[in-house]
Amino acid sequence: MNDKDLSQQAKEYFAQIRKTDRLIHRLDSTIATLRSSLTSTGSQLKQDKVQTSGPKNTLEETITKIIDLEAKINARIDELVSMKQEAFTMINRIPDLDQQNILIGRYIQLKKWEDISEELNYSMQWVFELHGKGLLAFAKANSDFLNNRENQSATGSKQSKESVE
């Protein structure tokens, strides 16, 4: 495996943290929308209408949806915390502190490149260069873990394809 492949392997590992974080934010936004629908002034008094299909309890359904989504969010948050702890432990195996800072800032704290550059007082070009070196150092320091993870996902994909067929 060449250096580019190793760096890509590290990026794919870190991408899972960002994807999980985005999912949590999306679910949280959905809950906010559901909550606002509960308190909206959309229910005004109207003339009595004859109901033919029994009463609908949309308030109860919405509250149930919110509770279910909150449980899913809590499970995802626990997962995200574990992923970040694992990544932090593996980043600490890199000897260069600047590379550690950049990887932690980018992949654990999910900061923008500009913010990392400003915090470290380095040019963007230098941050990118250190980032590339850091990814490579990360992949080499954690090669056994990344290879096992890659093999497990390949086996899982193969098994799920076989179960579909």
N, C-alpha and C. Protein backbone atom coordinates (compact mmCIF):
# COMPACT_ATOMS: atom_id res chain seq x y z
N MET A 1 0.85 -1.17 0.00
CA MET A 1 0.00 0.00 0.00
C MET A 1 0.90 1.24 0.00
N ASN A 2 0.64 2.17 -0.93
CA ASN A 2 1.47 3.37 -1.02
C ASN A 2 0.98 4.45 -0.04
N ASP A 3 1.75 5.55 0.03
CA ASP A 3 1.43 6.61 0.98
C ASP A 3 0.06 7.24 0.72
N LYS A 4 -0.30 7.39 -0.53
CA LYS A 4 -1.59 7.99 -0.87
C LYS A 4 -2.74 7.10 -0.37
N ASP A 5 -2.60 5.79 -0.55
CA ASP A 5 -3.61 4.84 -0.07
C ASP A 5 -3.71 4.88 1.45
N LEU A 6 -2.56 4.96 2.11
CA LEU A 6 -2.55 5.03 3.58
C LEU A 6 -3.26 6.29 4.07
N SER A 7 -2.97 7.42 3.44
CA SER A 7 -3.62 8.67 3.83
C SER A 7 -5.12 8.60 3.59
N GLN A 8 -5.51 8.00 2.48
CA GLN A 8 -6.94 7.87 2.17
C GLN A 8 -7.63 6.98 3.19
N GLN A 9 -6.95 5.95 3.62
CA GLN A 9 -7.49 5.05 4.63
C GLN A 9 -7.75 5.82 5.94
N ALA A 10 -6.82 6.69 6.32
CA ALA A 10 -6.99 7.51 7.52
C ALA A 10 -8.15 8.48 7.34
N LYS A 11 -8.26 9.11 6.18
CA LYS A 11 -9.35 10.05 5.92
C LYS A 11 -10.71 9.36 6.02
N GLU A 12 -10.80 8.14 5.48
CA GLU A 12 -12.06 7.40 5.54
C GLU A 12 -12.44 7.07 6.98
N TYR A 13 -11.43 6.75 7.77
CA TYR A 13 -11.69 6.48 9.19
C TYR A 13 -12.26 7.74 9.86
N PHE A 14 -11.60 8.88 9.65
CA PHE A 14 -12.04 10.12 10.28
C PHE A 14 -13.38 10.61 9.73
N ALA A 15 -13.70 10.27 8.49
CA ALA A 15 -14.97 10.70 7.88
C ALA A 15 -16.17 10.16 8.65
N GLN A 16 -16.01 9.02 9.29
CA GLN A 16 -17.12 8.44 10.06
C GLN A 16 -17.51 9.34 11.23
N ILE A 17 -16.54 10.01 11.82
CA ILE A 17 -16.84 10.94 12.93
C ILE A 17 -17.68 12.09 12.41
N ARG A 18 -17.26 12.68 11.30
CA ARG A 18 -17.98 13.82 10.73
C ARG A 18 -19.40 13.41 10.30
N LYS A 19 -19.53 12.24 9.69
CA LYS A 19 -20.86 11.78 9.25
C LYS A 19 -21.78 11.55 10.43
N THR A 20 -21.26 10.98 11.49
CA THR A 20 -22.08 10.74 12.69
C THR A 20 -22.49 12.07 13.31
N ASP A 21 -21.57 13.03 13.36
CA ASP A 21 -21.88 14.34 13.90
C ASP A 21 -22.98 15.03 13.08
N ARG A 22 -22.87 14.96 11.78
CA ARG A 22 -23.90 15.56 10.90
C ARG A 22 -25.26 14.90 11.11
N LEU A 23 -25.26 13.59 11.26
CA LEU A 23 -26.52 12.87 11.48
C LEU A 23 -27.17 13.33 12.78
N ILE A 24 -26.38 13.48 13.82
CA ILE A 24 -26.91 13.96 15.11
C ILE A 24 -27.53 15.34 14.94
N HIS A 25 -26.85 16.23 14.23
CA HIS A 25 -27.40 17.57 14.02
C HIS A 25 -28.69 17.53 13.21
N ARG A 26 -28.74 16.65 12.22
CA ARG A 26 -29.95 16.54 11.40
C ARG A 26 -31.13 16.01 12.23
N LEU A 27 -30.87 15.00 13.05
CA LEU A 27 -31.93 14.47 13.91
C LEU A 27 -32.38 15.51 14.93
N ASP A 28 -31.43 16.26 15.47
CA ASP A 28 -31.74 17.32 16.43
C ASP A 28 -32.61 18.39 15.78
N SER A 29 -32.30 18.73 14.54
CA SER A 29 -33.09 19.71 13.80
C SER A 29 -34.52 19.19 13.57
N THR A 30 -34.62 17.91 13.31
CA THR A 30 -35.95 17.30 13.11
C THR A 30 -36.77 17.40 14.40
N ILE A 31 -36.14 17.16 15.53
CA ILE A 31 -36.84 17.28 16.81
C ILE A 31 -37.30 18.72 17.03
N ALA A 32 -36.44 19.68 16.72
CA ALA A 32 -36.83 21.09 16.88
C ALA A 32 -38.05 21.42 16.02
N THR A 33 -38.08 20.90 14.81
CA THR A 33 -39.22 21.12 13.93
C THR A 33 -40.49 20.49 14.50
N LEU A 34 -40.36 19.27 15.01
CA LEU A 34 -41.53 18.61 15.61
C LEU A 34 -42.01 19.37 16.84
N ARG A 35 -41.08 19.82 17.66
CA ARG A 35 -41.47 20.59 18.86
C ARG A 35 -42.18 21.88 18.49
N SER A 36 -41.67 22.56 17.47
CA SER A 36 -42.31 23.81 17.08
C SER A 36 -43.70 23.55 16.50
N SER A 37 -43.90 22.40 15.89
CA SER A 37 -45.24 22.08 15.38
C SER A 37 -46.22 21.86 16.53
N LEU A 38 -45.71 21.45 17.69
CA LEU A 38 -46.58 21.27 18.86
C LEU A 38 -47.05 22.60 19.43
N THR A 39 -46.21 23.60 19.33
CA THR A 39 -46.53 24.89 19.94
C THR A 39 -46.98 25.94 18.92
N SER A 40 -47.14 25.54 17.67
CA SER A 40 -47.55 26.51 16.65
C SER A 40 -48.99 26.93 16.88
N THR A 41 -49.32 28.10 16.37
CA THR A 41 -50.68 28.62 16.53
C THR A 41 -51.57 28.18 15.38
N GLY A 42 -51.26 27.08 14.79
CA GLY A 42 -52.03 26.58 13.65
C GLY A 42 -53.39 26.02 14.04
N SER A 43 -53.59 25.76 15.30
CA SER A 43 -54.88 25.19 15.71
C SER A 43 -55.79 26.30 16.20
N GLN A 44 -56.57 26.84 15.30
CA GLN A 44 -57.52 27.89 15.62
C GLN A 44 -58.90 27.28 15.72
N LEU A 45 -59.76 27.97 16.44
CA LEU A 45 -61.14 27.47 16.57
C LEU A 45 -61.85 27.60 15.23
N LYS A 46 -62.47 26.54 14.82
CA LYS A 46 -63.20 26.53 13.56
C LYS A 46 -64.58 25.96 13.84
N GLN A 47 -65.43 26.06 12.87
CA GLN A 47 -66.77 25.51 13.03
C GLN A 47 -66.68 24.01 13.21
N ASP A 48 -67.64 23.49 13.95
CA ASP A 48 -67.67 22.04 14.16
C ASP A 48 -67.85 21.32 12.85
N LYS A 49 -67.07 20.27 12.69
CA LYS A 49 -67.19 19.43 11.50
C LYS A 49 -67.51 18.03 11.96
N VAL A 50 -68.21 17.33 11.15
CA VAL A 50 -68.55 15.96 11.47
C VAL A 50 -67.37 15.08 11.11
N GLN A 51 -66.92 14.28 12.09
CA GLN A 51 -65.81 13.36 11.82
C GLN A 51 -66.37 12.01 11.45
N THR A 52 -65.80 11.45 10.41
CA THR A 52 -66.29 10.15 9.97
C THR A 52 -65.28 9.04 10.23
N SER A 53 -64.06 9.37 10.53
CA SER A 53 -63.05 8.33 10.65
C SER A 53 -62.45 8.26 12.06
N GLY A 54 -63.14 8.63 13.07
CA GLY A 54 -62.64 8.53 14.43
C GLY A 54 -61.63 9.62 14.73
N PRO A 55 -61.36 9.85 15.99
CA PRO A 55 -60.46 10.94 16.36
C PRO A 55 -59.00 10.61 16.06
N LYS A 56 -58.27 11.63 15.65
CA LYS A 56 -56.83 11.48 15.42
C LYS A 56 -56.11 12.14 16.57
N ASN A 57 -55.12 11.46 17.09
CA ASN A 57 -54.38 12.02 18.20
C ASN A 57 -52.98 12.41 17.71
N THR A 58 -52.92 13.45 16.90
CA THR A 58 -51.64 13.85 16.31
C THR A 58 -50.68 14.39 17.36
N LEU A 59 -51.20 15.00 18.43
CA LEU A 59 -50.34 15.49 19.50
C LEU A 59 -49.58 14.33 20.14
N GLU A 60 -50.28 13.28 20.44
CA GLU A 60 -49.65 12.10 21.04
C GLU A 60 -48.65 11.46 20.08
N GLU A 61 -49.01 11.37 18.81
CA GLU A 61 -48.11 10.80 17.80
C GLU A 61 -46.82 11.62 17.68
N THR A 62 -46.97 12.93 17.69
CA THR A 62 -45.81 13.81 17.57
C THR A 62 -44.90 13.66 18.78
N ILE A 63 -45.47 13.62 19.96
CA ILE A 63 -44.68 13.46 21.18
C ILE A 63 -43.96 12.12 21.17
N THR A 64 -44.62 11.08 20.71
CA THR A 64 -43.99 9.76 20.61
C THR A 64 -42.82 9.80 19.63
N LYS A 65 -43.00 10.49 18.50
CA LYS A 65 -41.91 10.62 17.53
C LYS A 65 -40.72 11.36 18.14
N ILE A 66 -41.01 12.41 18.90
CA ILE A 66 -39.93 13.18 19.54
C ILE A 66 -39.16 12.29 20.52
N ILE A 67 -39.87 11.53 21.33
CA ILE A 67 -39.22 10.65 22.31
C ILE A 67 -38.36 9.60 21.61
N ASP A 68 -38.88 9.01 20.54
CA ASP A 68 -38.12 8.01 19.78
C ASP A 68 -36.85 8.63 19.17
N LEU A 69 -36.99 9.81 18.59
CA LEU A 69 -35.83 10.47 17.98
C LEU A 69 -34.80 10.86 19.04
N GLU A 70 -35.26 11.30 20.20
CA GLU A 70 -34.33 11.65 21.28
C GLU A 70 -33.52 10.43 21.72
N ALA A 71 -34.17 9.27 21.77
CA ALA A 71 -33.46 8.04 22.13
C ALA A 71 -32.42 7.70 21.07
N LYS A 72 -32.77 7.88 19.80
CA LYS A 72 -31.81 7.62 18.72
C LYS A 72 -30.64 8.59 18.79
N ILE A 73 -30.93 9.85 19.08
CA ILE A 73 -29.87 10.86 19.19
C ILE A 73 -28.93 10.50 20.34
N ASN A 74 -29.49 10.13 21.47
CA ASN A 74 -28.65 9.77 22.62
C ASN A 74 -27.74 8.59 22.30
N ALA A 75 -28.25 7.61 21.59
CA ALA A 75 -27.43 6.46 21.19
C ALA A 75 -26.32 6.91 20.24
N ARG A 76 -26.66 7.80 19.31
CA ARG A 76 -25.65 8.30 18.36
C ARG A 76 -24.60 9.17 19.05
N ILE A 77 -25.03 9.93 20.05
CA ILE A 77 -24.08 10.76 20.80
C ILE A 77 -23.10 9.86 21.54
N ASP A 78 -23.61 8.80 22.16
CA ASP A 78 -22.72 7.84 22.84
C ASP A 78 -21.72 7.25 21.86
N GLU A 79 -22.22 6.90 20.68
CA GLU A 79 -21.36 6.34 19.63
C GLU A 79 -20.30 7.36 19.20
N LEU A 80 -20.71 8.62 19.03
CA LEU A 80 -19.79 9.67 18.62
C LEU A 80 -18.71 9.91 19.67
N VAL A 81 -19.09 9.92 20.93
CA VAL A 81 -18.11 10.11 22.01
C VAL A 81 -17.09 8.98 21.99
N SER A 82 -17.55 7.76 21.81
CA SER A 82 -16.63 6.61 21.75
C SER A 82 -15.70 6.71 20.54
N MET A 83 -16.25 7.13 19.41
CA MET A 83 -15.43 7.27 18.20
C MET A 83 -14.35 8.32 18.40
N LYS A 84 -14.72 9.44 19.02
CA LYS A 84 -13.75 10.51 19.25
C LYS A 84 -12.69 10.09 20.26
N GLN A 85 -13.08 9.36 21.28
CA GLN A 85 -12.10 8.88 22.26
C GLN A 85 -11.11 7.93 21.60
N GLU A 86 -11.63 7.03 20.77
CA GLU A 86 -10.78 6.08 20.05
C GLU A 86 -9.82 6.83 19.12
N ALA A 87 -10.34 7.80 18.36
CA ALA A 87 -9.52 8.57 17.44
C ALA A 87 -8.45 9.36 18.20
N PHE A 88 -8.84 9.96 19.31
CA PHE A 88 -7.89 10.73 20.11
C PHE A 88 -6.74 9.84 20.60
N THR A 89 -7.07 8.65 21.06
CA THR A 89 -6.04 7.70 21.51
C THR A 89 -5.09 7.36 20.37
N MET A 90 -5.63 7.14 19.20
CA MET A 90 -4.80 6.77 18.06
C MET A 90 -3.98 7.95 17.53
N ILE A 91 -4.53 9.16 17.60
CA ILE A 91 -3.78 10.35 17.18
C ILE A 91 -2.59 10.57 18.11
N ASN A 92 -2.76 10.24 19.37
CA ASN A 92 -1.67 10.43 20.34
C ASN A 92 -0.47 9.54 20.06
N ARG A 93 -0.60 8.57 19.18
CA ARG A 93 0.52 7.71 18.80
C ARG A 93 1.46 8.40 17.81
N ILE A 94 1.04 9.54 17.28
CA ILE A 94 1.87 10.31 16.35
C ILE A 94 2.84 11.14 17.18
N PRO A 95 4.14 11.05 16.88
CA PRO A 95 5.11 11.79 17.70
C PRO A 95 5.08 13.31 17.52
N ASP A 96 4.71 13.81 16.36
CA ASP A 96 4.75 15.25 16.09
C ASP A 96 3.51 15.95 16.68
N LEU A 97 3.74 16.89 17.58
CA LEU A 97 2.64 17.58 18.26
C LEU A 97 1.84 18.49 17.34
N ASP A 98 2.48 19.11 16.36
CA ASP A 98 1.74 19.94 15.40
C ASP A 98 0.77 19.09 14.58
N GLN A 99 1.24 17.93 14.14
CA GLN A 99 0.37 17.03 13.39
C GLN A 99 -0.79 16.57 14.27
N GLN A 100 -0.51 16.27 15.54
CA GLN A 100 -1.58 15.89 16.48
C GLN A 100 -2.60 17.02 16.59
N ASN A 101 -2.11 18.24 16.79
CA ASN A 101 -3.01 19.39 16.92
C ASN A 101 -3.91 19.56 15.71
N ILE A 102 -3.35 19.41 14.54
CA ILE A 102 -4.13 19.59 13.31
C ILE A 102 -5.17 18.48 13.18
N LEU A 103 -4.78 17.24 13.41
CA LEU A 103 -5.74 16.14 13.29
C LEU A 103 -6.84 16.23 14.34
N ILE A 104 -6.48 16.60 15.55
CA ILE A 104 -7.50 16.76 16.61
C ILE A 104 -8.44 17.91 16.26
N GLY A 105 -7.86 19.03 15.84
CA GLY A 105 -8.70 20.17 15.48
C GLY A 105 -9.65 19.86 14.34
N ARG A 106 -9.14 19.18 13.33
CA ARG A 106 -9.96 18.91 12.14
C ARG A 106 -10.97 17.78 12.35
N TYR A 107 -10.54 16.69 12.96
CA TYR A 107 -11.37 15.48 12.97
C TYR A 107 -12.08 15.20 14.29
N ILE A 108 -11.60 15.76 15.38
CA ILE A 108 -12.29 15.54 16.65
C ILE A 108 -13.12 16.77 17.02
N GLN A 109 -12.50 17.95 16.86
CA GLN A 109 -13.23 19.19 17.15
C GLN A 109 -14.01 19.70 15.94
N LEU A 110 -13.77 19.11 14.78
CA LEU A 110 -14.47 19.43 13.53
C LEU A 110 -14.35 20.91 13.15
N LYS A 111 -13.15 21.46 13.32
CA LYS A 111 -12.90 22.86 13.01
C LYS A 111 -12.61 23.06 11.54
N LYS A 112 -12.81 24.29 11.09
CA LYS A 112 -12.49 24.67 9.71
C LYS A 112 -10.99 24.87 9.59
N TRP A 113 -10.50 24.71 8.35
CA TRP A 113 -9.07 24.87 8.09
C TRP A 113 -8.59 26.26 8.52
N GLU A 114 -9.38 27.27 8.22
CA GLU A 114 -8.99 28.64 8.53
C GLU A 114 -8.79 28.82 10.03
N ASP A 115 -9.67 28.23 10.82
CA ASP A 115 -9.58 28.34 12.27
C ASP A 115 -8.33 27.63 12.81
N ILE A 116 -8.04 26.47 12.26
CA ILE A 116 -6.85 25.73 12.68
C ILE A 116 -5.59 26.53 12.35
N SER A 117 -5.56 27.09 11.14
CA SER A 117 -4.43 27.88 10.70
C SER A 117 -4.21 29.08 11.62
N GLU A 118 -5.29 29.75 11.95
CA GLU A 118 -5.20 30.93 12.81
C GLU A 118 -4.76 30.55 14.23
N GLU A 119 -5.33 29.49 14.77
CA GLU A 119 -4.98 29.06 16.13
C GLU A 119 -3.50 28.67 16.26
N LEU A 120 -2.98 27.99 15.24
CA LEU A 120 -1.60 27.55 15.28
C LEU A 120 -0.62 28.62 14.78
N ASN A 121 -1.21 29.67 14.20
CA ASN A 121 -0.41 30.75 13.63
C ASN A 121 0.50 30.25 12.50
N TYR A 122 -0.07 29.37 11.67
CA TYR A 122 0.62 28.83 10.50
C TYR A 122 -0.15 29.22 9.25
N SER A 123 0.55 29.27 8.14
CA SER A 123 -0.13 29.53 6.86
C SER A 123 -0.99 28.30 6.53
N MET A 124 -1.98 28.54 5.69
CA MET A 124 -2.86 27.44 5.27
C MET A 124 -2.03 26.37 4.56
N GLN A 125 -1.09 26.80 3.74
CA GLN A 125 -0.26 25.84 3.01
C GLN A 125 0.50 24.94 3.98
N TRP A 126 1.04 25.52 5.04
CA TRP A 126 1.80 24.74 6.01
C TRP A 126 0.87 23.81 6.78
N VAL A 127 -0.33 24.27 7.10
CA VAL A 127 -1.31 23.42 7.79
C VAL A 127 -1.66 22.22 6.91
N PHE A 128 -1.88 22.47 5.62
CA PHE A 128 -2.20 21.37 4.71
C PHE A 128 -1.04 20.37 4.61
N GLU A 129 0.16 20.89 4.58
CA GLU A 129 1.32 20.01 4.49
C GLU A 129 1.46 19.16 5.75
N LEU A 130 1.32 19.80 6.90
CA LEU A 130 1.38 19.05 8.17
C LEU A 130 0.23 18.07 8.28
N HIS A 131 -0.93 18.45 7.76
CA HIS A 131 -2.08 17.56 7.77
C HIS A 131 -1.79 16.30 6.97
N GLY A 132 -1.24 16.47 5.79
CA GLY A 132 -0.90 15.31 4.95
C GLY A 132 0.10 14.40 5.64
N LYS A 133 1.11 15.00 6.25
CA LYS A 133 2.10 14.21 6.98
C LYS A 133 1.46 13.54 8.19
N GLY A 134 0.55 14.25 8.83
CA GLY A 134 -0.14 13.69 9.99
C GLY A 134 -1.02 12.50 9.63
N LEU A 135 -1.73 12.61 8.50
CA LEU A 135 -2.56 11.48 8.05
C LEU A 135 -1.70 10.24 7.80
N LEU A 136 -0.58 10.46 7.15
CA LEU A 136 0.32 9.36 6.85
C LEU A 136 0.87 8.76 8.15
N ALA A 137 1.30 9.61 9.06
CA ALA A 137 1.83 9.13 10.35
C ALA A 137 0.74 8.39 11.12
N PHE A 138 -0.49 8.90 11.06
CA PHE A 138 -1.62 8.25 11.72
C PHE A 138 -1.86 6.86 11.15
N ALA A 139 -1.88 6.77 9.83
CA ALA A 139 -2.13 5.49 9.16
C ALA A 139 -1.03 4.48 9.48
N LYS A 140 0.21 4.94 9.51
CA LYS A 140 1.32 4.02 9.80
C LYS A 140 1.30 3.59 11.27
N ALA A 141 1.00 4.52 12.17
CA ALA A 141 0.99 4.20 13.60
C ALA A 141 -0.18 3.30 13.98
N ASN A 142 -1.22 3.30 13.17
CA ASN A 142 -2.43 2.54 13.47
C ASN A 142 -2.79 1.57 12.35
N SER A 143 -1.78 1.10 11.62
CA SER A 143 -2.03 0.28 10.44
C SER A 143 -2.78 -1.01 10.76
N ASP A 144 -2.43 -1.67 11.86
CA ASP A 144 -3.13 -2.91 12.21
C ASP A 144 -4.62 -2.66 12.40
N PHE A 145 -4.94 -1.61 13.15
CA PHE A 145 -6.35 -1.28 13.41
C PHE A 145 -7.08 -0.95 12.11
N LEU A 146 -6.49 -0.08 11.29
CA LEU A 146 -7.14 0.34 10.04
C LEU A 146 -7.31 -0.83 9.08
N ASN A 147 -6.31 -1.71 9.00
CA ASN A 147 -6.43 -2.87 8.12
C ASN A 147 -7.50 -3.83 8.61
N ASN A 148 -7.57 -4.06 9.91
CA ASN A 148 -8.61 -4.94 10.46
C ASN A 148 -9.99 -4.34 10.21
N ARG A 149 -10.09 -3.03 10.37
CA ARG A 149 -11.37 -2.34 10.15
C ARG A 149 -11.79 -2.46 8.68
N GLU A 150 -10.82 -2.29 7.79
CA GLU A 150 -11.09 -2.40 6.36
C GLU A 150 -11.52 -3.82 5.99
N ASN A 151 -10.83 -4.80 6.55
CA ASN A 151 -11.18 -6.20 6.28
C ASN A 151 -12.57 -6.54 6.82
N GLN A 152 -12.91 -6.01 7.99
CA GLN A 152 -14.23 -6.27 8.57
C GLN A 152 -15.33 -5.67 7.71
N SER A 153 -15.12 -4.43 7.22
CA SER A 153 -16.16 -3.81 6.40
C SER A 153 -16.27 -4.52 5.06
N ALA A 154 -15.18 -5.01 4.51
CA ALA A 154 -15.24 -5.75 3.25
C ALA A 154 -15.97 -7.07 3.45
N THR A 155 -15.70 -7.74 4.56
CA THR A 155 -16.39 -9.00 4.87
C THR A 155 -17.86 -8.74 5.10
N GLY A 156 -18.19 -7.65 5.81
CA GLY A 156 -19.58 -7.30 6.07
C GLY A 156 -20.33 -7.00 4.79
N SER A 157 -19.69 -6.30 3.86
CA SER A 157 -20.32 -5.99 2.58
C SER A 157 -20.58 -7.25 1.78
N LYS A 158 -19.60 -8.16 1.80
CA LYS A 158 -19.73 -9.41 1.07
C LYS A 158 -20.86 -10.25 1.66
N GLN A 159 -20.94 -10.30 3.00
CA GLN A 159 -21.98 -11.09 3.65
C GLN A 159 -23.36 -10.49 3.39
N SER A 160 -23.47 -9.16 3.41
CA SER A 160 -24.78 -8.56 3.17
C SER A 160 -25.22 -8.75 1.73
N LYS A 161 -24.27 -8.76 0.78
CA LYS A 161 -24.61 -9.03 -0.63
C LYS A 161 -25.10 -10.46 -0.77
N GLU A 162 -24.41 -11.40 -0.09
CA GLU A 162 -24.80 -12.80 -0.19
C GLU A 162 -26.18 -13.04 0.42
N SER A 163 -26.50 -12.34 1.51
CA SER A 163 -27.79 -12.55 2.15
C SER A 163 -28.93 -11.97 1.30
N VAL A 164 -28.63 -10.96 0.46
CA VAL A 164 -29.63 -10.39 -0.43
C VAL A 164 -29.92 -11.34 -1.59
N GLU A 165 -28.88 -12.01 -2.05
CA GLU A 165 -29.04 -12.89 -3.23
C GLU A 165 -29.68 -14.16 -2.87
